[in-house]
C-alpha atoms as a PDB file:
ATOM      1  CA  MET A   1      -0.012  -9.213  12.325  1.00  0.00           C
ATOM      2  CA  ASN A   2      -1.148  -7.293  15.410  1.00  0.00           C
ATOM      3  CA  LYS A   3      -4.965  -6.974  15.103  1.00  0.00           C
ATOM      4  CA  ASP A   4      -5.410  -3.409  14.173  1.00  0.00           C
ATOM      5  CA  LYS A   5      -8.135  -4.378  11.828  1.00  0.00           C
ATOM      6  CA  PRO A   6      -6.233  -3.590   8.600  1.00  0.00           C
ATOM      7  CA  THR A   7      -9.162  -3.973   6.177  1.00  0.00           C
ATOM      8  CA  GLY A   8     -12.615  -2.547   6.043  1.00  0.00           C
ATOM      9  CA  VAL A   9     -12.332  -0.211   9.001  1.00  0.00           C
ATOM     10  CA  SER A  10     -12.659   3.530   8.301  1.00  0.00           C
ATOM     11  CA  ARG A  11     -11.503   6.320  10.441  1.00  0.00           C
ATOM     12  CA  ARG A  12     -15.186   7.331  10.851  1.00  0.00           C
ATOM     13  CA  HIS A  13     -16.052   3.944  12.239  1.00  0.00           C
ATOM     14  CA  PHE A  14     -13.127   4.115  14.678  1.00  0.00           C
ATOM     15  CA  SER A  15     -13.940   7.524  15.778  1.00  0.00           C
ATOM     16  CA  LYS A  16     -17.355   6.319  16.744  1.00  0.00           C
ATOM     17  CA  GLY A  17     -15.890   3.561  18.982  1.00  0.00           C
ATOM     18  CA  ALA A  18     -16.981   0.648  16.975  1.00  0.00           C
ATOM     19  CA  LEU A  19     -13.525  -0.815  16.767  1.00  0.00           C
ATOM     20  CA  ILE A  20     -12.836  -0.221  20.424  1.00  0.00           C
ATOM     21  CA  THR A  21     -16.081  -1.996  21.383  1.00  0.00           C
ATOM     22  CA  ALA A  22     -15.274  -5.030  19.279  1.00  0.00           C
ATOM     23  CA  ALA A  23     -11.682  -5.101  20.455  1.00  0.00           C
ATOM     24  CA  VAL A  24     -12.574  -4.947  24.068  1.00  0.00           C
ATOM     25  CA  ALA A  25     -15.163  -7.477  23.737  1.00  0.00           C
ATOM     26  CA  ALA A  26     -12.810  -9.862  22.021  1.00  0.00           C
ATOM     27  CA  THR A  27     -10.108  -9.241  24.577  1.00  0.00           C
ATOM     28  CA  THR A  28     -12.222  -9.677  27.719  1.00  0.00           C
ATOM     29  CA  SER A  29     -14.097 -12.746  26.369  1.00  0.00           C
ATOM     30  CA  LEU A  30     -11.060 -14.645  25.103  1.00  0.00           C
ATOM     31  CA  LEU A  31      -8.259 -13.760  27.432  1.00  0.00           C
ATOM     32  CA  PRO A  32      -7.944 -16.679  30.016  1.00  0.00           C
ATOM     33  CA  ASN A  33      -7.993 -16.071  33.702  1.00  0.00           C
ATOM     34  CA  LEU A  34      -4.348 -16.857  34.078  1.00  0.00           C
ATOM     35  CA  THR A  35      -3.325 -17.948  37.552  1.00  0.00           C
ATOM     36  CA  ILE A  36       0.212 -16.782  37.227  1.00  0.00           C
ATOM     37  CA  ALA A  37       2.022 -15.335  40.155  1.00  0.00           C
ATOM     38  CA  LYS A  38       3.110 -11.730  40.224  1.00  0.00           C
ATOM     39  CA  THR A  39       6.443 -11.955  38.471  1.00  0.00           C
ATOM     40  CA  THR A  40       7.825  -8.378  38.478  1.00  0.00           C
ATOM     41  CA  ASP A  41      10.273  -7.382  41.148  1.00  0.00           C
ATOM     42  CA  LYS A  42       9.885  -3.587  40.199  1.00  0.00           C
ATOM     43  CA  PRO A  43       6.302  -2.611  39.463  1.00  0.00           C
ATOM     44  CA  LEU A  44       5.982   0.071  36.895  1.00  0.00           C
ATOM     45  CA  ARG A  45       3.221   2.559  35.967  1.00  0.00           C
ATOM     46  CA  ILE A  46       2.274   1.745  32.329  1.00  0.00           C
ATOM     47  CA  GLY A  47       0.043   3.921  30.254  1.00  0.00           C
ATOM     48  CA  ILE A  48      -1.763   2.068  27.446  1.00  0.00           C
ATOM     49  CA  ILE A  49      -2.648   4.438  24.640  1.00  0.00           C
ATOM     50  CA  GLY A  50      -5.281   2.577  22.698  1.00  0.00           C
ATOM     51  CA  SER A  51      -6.857  -0.393  24.530  1.00  0.00           C
ATOM     52  CA  GLY A  52      -7.968  -2.518  21.661  1.00  0.00           C
ATOM     53  CA  TYR A  53      -6.867  -6.039  20.692  1.00  0.00           C
ATOM     54  CA  ILE A  54      -3.072  -5.622  21.333  1.00  0.00           C
ATOM     55  CA  GLY A  55      -3.286  -2.834  23.893  1.00  0.00           C
ATOM     56  CA  GLY A  56      -5.836  -4.669  26.000  1.00  0.00           C
ATOM     57  CA  SER A  57      -4.487  -8.211  25.886  1.00  0.00           C
ATOM     58  CA  VAL A  58      -0.827  -7.002  26.626  1.00  0.00           C
ATOM     59  CA  GLY A  59      -2.014  -4.537  29.320  1.00  0.00           C
ATOM     60  CA  VAL A  60      -3.983  -7.342  31.146  1.00  0.00           C
ATOM     61  CA  LEU A  61      -0.782  -9.564  31.138  1.00  0.00           C
ATOM     62  CA  TRP A  62       1.261  -6.848  32.660  1.00  0.00           C
ATOM     63  CA  ALA A  63      -1.388  -6.151  35.284  1.00  0.00           C
ATOM     64  CA  GLN A  64      -1.429  -9.712  36.197  1.00  0.00           C
ATOM     65  CA  ALA A  65       2.440  -9.632  36.483  1.00  0.00           C
ATOM     66  CA  GLY A  66       2.058  -6.892  39.070  1.00  0.00           C
ATOM     67  CA  HIS A  67       2.377  -3.542  37.162  1.00  0.00           C
ATOM     68  CA  GLN A  68      -0.014  -0.656  37.447  1.00  0.00           C
ATOM     69  CA  VAL A  69      -1.735  -0.324  34.178  1.00  0.00           C
ATOM     70  CA  PHE A  70      -3.820   2.716  32.901  1.00  0.00           C
ATOM     71  CA  PHE A  71      -5.990   1.623  30.035  1.00  0.00           C
ATOM     72  CA  SER A  72      -7.115   4.529  27.857  1.00  0.00           C
ATOM     73  CA  SER A  73      -9.181   5.441  24.838  1.00  0.00           C
ATOM     74  CA  ARG A  74     -11.392   8.250  23.626  1.00  0.00           C
ATOM     75  CA  HIS A  75     -14.308   6.130  25.008  1.00  0.00           C
ATOM     76  CA  PRO A  76     -13.103   5.064  28.494  1.00  0.00           C
ATOM     77  CA  GLU A  77     -16.587   4.206  29.530  1.00  0.00           C
ATOM     78  CA  LYS A  78     -16.294   1.119  27.329  1.00  0.00           C
ATOM     79  CA  LEU A  79     -13.277  -0.179  29.284  1.00  0.00           C
ATOM     80  CA  GLY A  80     -14.748  -1.265  32.461  1.00  0.00           C
ATOM     81  CA  ASP A  81     -14.779  -4.929  31.735  1.00  0.00           C
ATOM     82  CA  LEU A  82     -11.161  -4.796  30.533  1.00  0.00           C
ATOM     83  CA  ALA A  83     -10.082  -3.200  33.900  1.00  0.00           C
ATOM     84  CA  LYS A  84     -12.090  -5.806  35.769  1.00  0.00           C
ATOM     85  CA  LYS A  85     -10.164  -8.519  34.008  1.00  0.00           C
ATOM     86  CA  ALA A  86      -6.834  -6.873  34.652  1.00  0.00           C
ATOM     87  CA  GLY A  87      -7.474  -6.602  38.388  1.00  0.00           C
ATOM     88  CA  PRO A  88      -7.479  -4.051  41.166  1.00  0.00           C
ATOM     89  CA  THR A  89      -4.314  -2.128  40.064  1.00  0.00           C
ATOM     90  CA  ALA A  90      -5.855  -1.230  36.673  1.00  0.00           C
ATOM     91  CA  LYS A  91      -7.325   2.188  35.886  1.00  0.00           C
ATOM     92  CA  VAL A  92      -9.195   3.537  32.878  1.00  0.00           C
ATOM     93  CA  GLY A  93      -9.366   7.020  31.452  1.00  0.00           C
ATOM     94  CA  TYR A  94      -8.506   9.221  28.514  1.00  0.00           C
ATOM     95  CA  PRO A  95      -5.052   9.110  26.564  1.00  0.00           C
ATOM     96  CA  LYS A  96      -3.685  12.266  28.177  1.00  0.00           C
ATOM     97  CA  GLU A  97      -4.406  10.840  31.582  1.00  0.00           C
ATOM     98  CA  ALA A  98      -2.654   7.592  30.762  1.00  0.00           C
ATOM     99  CA  ALA A  99       0.301   9.404  29.163  1.00  0.00           C
ATOM    100  CA  LYS A 100       0.778  11.457  32.363  1.00  0.00           C
ATOM    101  CA  PHE A 101       0.339   8.399  34.605  1.00  0.00           C
ATOM    102  CA  GLY A 102       2.840   6.181  32.885  1.00  0.00           C
ATOM    103  CA  GLU A 103       6.515   5.775  33.364  1.00  0.00           C
ATOM    104  CA  VAL A 104       6.309   3.535  30.332  1.00  0.00           C
ATOM    105  CA  ILE A 105       3.867   4.205  27.518  1.00  0.00           C
ATOM    106  CA  PHE A 106       2.471   1.408  25.229  1.00  0.00           C
ATOM    107  CA  MET A 107       1.319   3.025  21.953  1.00  0.00           C
ATOM    108  CA  ALA A 108      -1.294   0.789  20.343  1.00  0.00           C
ATOM    109  CA  VAL A 109      -3.363   3.044  18.104  1.00  0.00           C
ATOM    110  CA  PRO A 110      -4.140   2.557  14.337  1.00  0.00           C
ATOM    111  CA  TYR A 111      -1.141   3.977  12.485  1.00  0.00           C
ATOM    112  CA  HIS A 112      -3.038   6.867  10.816  1.00  0.00           C
ATOM    113  CA  ALA A 113      -3.549   8.280  14.342  1.00  0.00           C
ATOM    114  CA  MET A 114       0.100   8.279  15.224  1.00  0.00           C
ATOM    115  CA  PRO A 115       0.966  11.924  14.059  1.00  0.00           C
ATOM    116  CA  LYS A 116      -1.947  13.432  15.945  1.00  0.00           C
ATOM    117  CA  VAL A 117      -1.379  11.343  19.082  1.00  0.00           C
ATOM    118  CA  GLY A 118       2.231  12.401  18.926  1.00  0.00           C
ATOM    119  CA  GLU A 119       1.316  16.050  18.779  1.00  0.00           C
ATOM    120  CA  ASP A 120      -1.373  15.772  21.515  1.00  0.00           C
ATOM    121  CA  LEU A 121       0.881  13.776  24.053  1.00  0.00           C
ATOM    122  CA  SER A 122       4.225  15.178  23.270  1.00  0.00           C
ATOM    123  CA  SER A 123       4.661  17.320  26.465  1.00  0.00           C
ATOM    124  CA  LEU A 124       3.545  14.354  28.610  1.00  0.00           C
ATOM    125  CA  ILE A 125       5.826  11.622  27.276  1.00  0.00           C
ATOM    126  CA  GLN A 126       9.201  13.371  26.875  1.00  0.00           C
ATOM    127  CA  GLY A 127      12.012  11.207  27.939  1.00  0.00           C
ATOM    128  CA  LYS A 128       9.731   8.159  28.551  1.00  0.00           C
ATOM    129  CA  VAL A 129      10.048   4.672  27.231  1.00  0.00           C
ATOM    130  CA  VAL A 130       7.457   4.330  24.479  1.00  0.00           C
ATOM    131  CA  ILE A 131       6.838   0.828  23.158  1.00  0.00           C
ATOM    132  CA  ASP A 132       5.173   1.106  19.766  1.00  0.00           C
ATOM    133  CA  CYS A 133       3.349  -1.835  18.297  1.00  0.00           C
ATOM    134  CA  GLY A 134       1.486  -0.073  15.484  1.00  0.00           C
ATOM    135  CA  ASN A 135       1.507  -1.288  11.871  1.00  0.00           C
ATOM    136  CA  PRO A 136       1.039   0.923   8.857  1.00  0.00           C
ATOM    137  CA  TYR A 137      -1.597  -0.529   6.458  1.00  0.00           C
ATOM    138  CA  PRO A 138      -1.968   1.448   3.205  1.00  0.00           C
ATOM    139  CA  SER A 139      -5.491   0.015   2.724  1.00  0.00           C
ATOM    140  CA  ARG A 140      -6.500   1.539   6.024  1.00  0.00           C
ATOM    141  CA  ASP A 141      -4.089   4.400   6.822  1.00  0.00           C
ATOM    142  CA  GLY A 142      -3.565   5.803   3.327  1.00  0.00           C
ATOM    143  CA  ASP A 143      -0.471   7.499   1.844  1.00  0.00           C
ATOM    144  CA  MET A 144       1.241   8.013   5.265  1.00  0.00           C
ATOM    145  CA  ALA A 145       1.453   4.182   5.666  1.00  0.00           C
ATOM    146  CA  VAL A 146       3.145   3.909   2.309  1.00  0.00           C
ATOM    147  CA  GLU A 147       5.749   6.482   3.429  1.00  0.00           C
ATOM    148  CA  ALA A 148       6.125   4.744   6.782  1.00  0.00           C
ATOM    149  CA  LEU A 149       6.919   1.494   5.114  1.00  0.00           C
ATOM    150  CA  LYS A 150       9.317   3.082   2.750  1.00  0.00           C
ATOM    151  CA  LYS A 151      11.274   4.617   5.660  1.00  0.00           C
ATOM    152  CA  GLY A 152      10.844   1.514   7.885  1.00  0.00           C
ATOM    153  CA  THR A 153       8.391   1.831  10.715  1.00  0.00           C
ATOM    154  CA  GLY A 154      11.068   2.281  13.412  1.00  0.00           C
ATOM    155  CA  ILE A 155      12.323   5.414  11.807  1.00  0.00           C
ATOM    156  CA  ALA A 156       8.901   6.789  11.007  1.00  0.00           C
ATOM    157  CA  SER A 157       7.392   6.161  14.372  1.00  0.00           C
ATOM    158  CA  ALA A 158      10.410   7.922  15.949  1.00  0.00           C
ATOM    159  CA  GLU A 159       9.672  11.027  13.880  1.00  0.00           C
ATOM    160  CA  PHE A 160       6.119  11.072  15.326  1.00  0.00           C
ATOM    161  CA  PHE A 161       7.404  10.937  18.781  1.00  0.00           C
ATOM    162  CA  PRO A 162      10.526  13.093  19.101  1.00  0.00           C
ATOM    163  CA  GLY A 163      12.176  13.158  22.421  1.00  0.00           C
ATOM    164  CA  VAL A 164      10.960   9.753  23.604  1.00  0.00           C
ATOM    165  CA  ARG A 165      12.910   6.537  23.998  1.00  0.00           C
ATOM    166  CA  LEU A 166      11.192   4.442  21.374  1.00  0.00           C
ATOM    167  CA  VAL A 167      10.978   0.660  21.210  1.00  0.00           C
ATOM    168  CA  ARG A 168       9.392  -1.344  18.512  1.00  0.00           C
ATOM    169  CA  ALA A 169       7.881  -4.558  19.780  1.00  0.00           C
ATOM    170  CA  TYR A 170       4.579  -6.620  19.757  1.00  0.00           C
ATOM    171  CA  ASN A 171       3.748  -5.498  16.169  1.00  0.00           C
ATOM    172  CA  SER A 172       4.598  -8.744  14.717  1.00  0.00           C
ATOM    173  CA  ILE A 173       2.423 -11.075  16.778  1.00  0.00           C
ATOM    174  CA  SER A 174      -1.371 -11.330  16.657  1.00  0.00           C
ATOM    175  CA  TYR A 175      -3.526 -10.788  19.630  1.00  0.00           C
ATOM    176  CA  GLN A 176      -4.690 -14.347  19.307  1.00  0.00           C
ATOM    177  CA  SER A 177      -1.130 -15.512  19.902  1.00  0.00           C
ATOM    178  CA  ILE A 178      -0.812 -13.084  22.860  1.00  0.00           C
ATOM    179  CA  ILE A 179      -3.960 -14.552  24.348  1.00  0.00           C
ATOM    180  CA  THR A 180      -3.103 -18.172  23.728  1.00  0.00           C
ATOM    181  CA  GLN A 181       0.756 -18.458  23.876  1.00  0.00           C
ATOM    182  CA  ALA A 182       1.640 -16.217  26.862  1.00  0.00           C
ATOM    183  CA  HIS A 183       3.477 -18.150  29.615  1.00  0.00           C
ATOM    184  CA  ARG A 184       3.109 -21.273  27.560  1.00  0.00           C
ATOM    185  CA  GLU A 185       4.916 -24.536  28.756  1.00  0.00           C
ATOM    186  CA  GLY A 186       8.314 -25.309  27.309  1.00  0.00           C
ATOM    187  CA  GLU A 187      10.223 -22.774  25.310  1.00  0.00           C
ATOM    188  CA  LEU A 188       8.378 -19.525  25.156  1.00  0.00           C
ATOM    189  CA  MET A 189       7.204 -17.898  22.034  1.00  0.00           C
ATOM    190  CA  ALA A 190       9.635 -14.974  20.992  1.00  0.00           C
ATOM    191  CA  ILE A 191       8.911 -11.420  20.103  1.00  0.00           C
ATOM    192  CA  PRO A 192      11.332  -9.362  17.932  1.00  0.00           C
ATOM    193  CA  VAL A 193      12.485  -6.006  19.370  1.00  0.00           C
ATOM    194  CA  ALA A 194      14.280  -2.965  18.059  1.00  0.00           C
ATOM    195  CA  ALA A 195      15.586   0.013  19.869  1.00  0.00           C
ATOM    196  CA  ASP A 196      18.372   2.594  19.822  1.00  0.00           C
ATOM    197  CA  ASP A 197      18.327   3.308  23.559  1.00  0.00           C
ATOM    198  CA  ASP A 198      19.969   0.572  25.770  1.00  0.00           C
ATOM    199  CA  ASP A 199      18.082   1.368  28.928  1.00  0.00           C
ATOM    200  CA  ALA A 200      14.782   1.430  27.099  1.00  0.00           C
ATOM    201  CA  LEU A 201      15.568  -1.927  25.466  1.00  0.00           C
ATOM    202  CA  LYS A 202      16.206  -3.345  28.942  1.00  0.00           C
ATOM    203  CA  ILE A 203      12.981  -2.117  30.253  1.00  0.00           C
ATOM    204  CA  ALA A 204      10.970  -3.263  27.302  1.00  0.00           C
ATOM    205  CA  SER A 205      12.682  -6.666  27.233  1.00  0.00           C
ATOM    206  CA  LYS A 206      11.852  -7.255  30.936  1.00  0.00           C
ATOM    207  CA  LEU A 207       8.256  -6.330  30.240  1.00  0.00           C
ATOM    208  CA  ILE A 208       8.106  -8.732  27.284  1.00  0.00           C
ATOM    209  CA  GLN A 209       9.362 -11.499  29.596  1.00  0.00           C
ATOM    210  CA  GLU A 210       6.849 -10.636  32.251  1.00  0.00           C
ATOM    211  CA  SER A 211       3.996 -10.809  29.749  1.00  0.00           C
ATOM    212  CA  GLY A 212       5.050 -14.439  28.964  1.00  0.00           C
ATOM    213  CA  PHE A 213       7.251 -14.149  25.922  1.00  0.00           C
ATOM    214  CA  ASP A 214      10.973 -14.111  25.060  1.00  0.00           C
ATOM    215  CA  PRO A 215      12.459 -10.854  23.586  1.00  0.00           C
ATOM    216  CA  VAL A 216      14.781 -11.154  20.633  1.00  0.00           C
ATOM    217  CA  PHE A 217      16.864  -7.972  19.975  1.00  0.00           C
ATOM    218  CA  VAL A 218      17.033  -7.514  16.255  1.00  0.00           C
ATOM    219  CA  GLY A 219      18.985  -4.322  16.357  1.00  0.00           C
ATOM    220  CA  PRO A 220      18.508  -0.534  16.248  1.00  0.00           C
ATOM    221  CA  LEU A 221      15.232   1.104  15.019  1.00  0.00           C
ATOM    222  CA  ALA A 222      16.568   1.035  11.472  1.00  0.00           C
ATOM    223  CA  ARG A 223      16.348  -2.770  11.646  1.00  0.00           C
ATOM    224  CA  ALA A 224      12.761  -2.777  12.738  1.00  0.00           C
ATOM    225  CA  ARG A 225      11.809  -2.655   9.076  1.00  0.00           C
ATOM    226  CA  GLU A 226      12.842  -6.346   9.045  1.00  0.00           C
ATOM    227  CA  PHE A 227       9.720  -7.253  10.936  1.00  0.00           C
ATOM    228  CA  ASP A 228       7.415  -4.543   9.491  1.00  0.00           C
ATOM    229  CA  ASN A 229       4.232  -5.813   7.940  1.00  0.00           C
ATOM    230  CA  ARG A 230       5.016  -6.856   4.291  1.00  0.00           C
ATOM    231  CA  SER A 231       8.401  -7.923   5.232  1.00  0.00           C
ATOM    232  CA  ALA A 232       9.681 -11.553   4.762  1.00  0.00           C
ATOM    233  CA  LEU A 233       9.826 -12.157   8.596  1.00  0.00           C
ATOM    234  CA  TYR A 234       6.691 -10.295   9.674  1.00  0.00           C
ATOM    235  CA  GLY A 235       4.600 -12.606  11.802  1.00  0.00           C
ATOM    236  CA  LYS A 236       7.330 -15.096  12.066  1.00  0.00           C
ATOM    237  CA  LYS A 237       6.499 -17.612  14.938  1.00  0.00           C
ATOM    238  CA  GLY A 238       9.116 -19.413  16.804  1.00  0.00           C
ATOM    239  CA  THR A 239      11.254 -19.578  19.920  1.00  0.00           C
ATOM    240  CA  ALA A 240      14.065 -17.133  20.750  1.00  0.00           C
ATOM    241  CA  ARG A 241      16.580 -19.539  19.210  1.00  0.00           C
ATOM    242  CA  GLU A 242      14.546 -19.785  15.997  1.00  0.00           C
ATOM    243  CA  LEU A 243      14.030 -16.095  15.676  1.00  0.00           C
ATOM    244  CA  ARG A 244      17.662 -15.278  16.283  1.00  0.00           C
ATOM    245  CA  GLU A 245      18.590 -17.572  13.563  1.00  0.00           C
ATOM    246  CA  ALA A 246      15.966 -16.147  11.156  1.00  0.00           C
ATOM    247  CA  PHE A 247      17.163 -12.498  11.807  1.00  0.00           C
ATOM    248  CA  GLY A 248      20.870 -13.393  11.889  1.00  0.00           C
ATOM    249  CA  VAL A 249      21.595 -12.165  15.430  1.00  0.00           C
ATOM    250  CA  ASP A 250      23.308 -13.699  18.307  1.00  0.00           C
END
């Protein structure tokens, strides 16, 4: 559901920055100039690894909430408009710079890039909270996506990033919903979350709230498969009450 461009996008095109350019343009043109007050009582340094549709839109919301956000890609020269939208606390640069900067890391890269990103950034993200929103699409990511879906993405992603405190979230919501539904009036839209680490879960849940959504804890990483793409509840829209009922949790 998150807009990782599951069809028709090759690794070659991604490596040339075409996807990044399109994603940044979409994010900066569609994201409203929200007039929300800074909501966080504890600003965090957040490194965004992959500043496309999801990374860009969520990162802007966190920046508007008062966090320091470092947007990154292999083409940081394309991220100036995104940083401007996010405000004066935002920075742009390369993934290693964002990984070093962040107390919390938001992993928002195409799934086929996960093994290499994990290898490249391992020494910089040990012990950190890593929120993973990636979705494996076999049509785009190949056999590794098939294997990830068999294992369950929570388990597969944890294998790519040993030594971090992994949280699965934001993978089952489209970037359009992030843009249009954040901080909506009435009951907030809910986002399913899975994690094994209680402290990481608390941090991620607070960040979800500060981005304008309600977190719904589904269970440990093994249960993240219940909101993997191709699952029955993938992309399920609803309030926290409705999602808790759908997942059978309190």
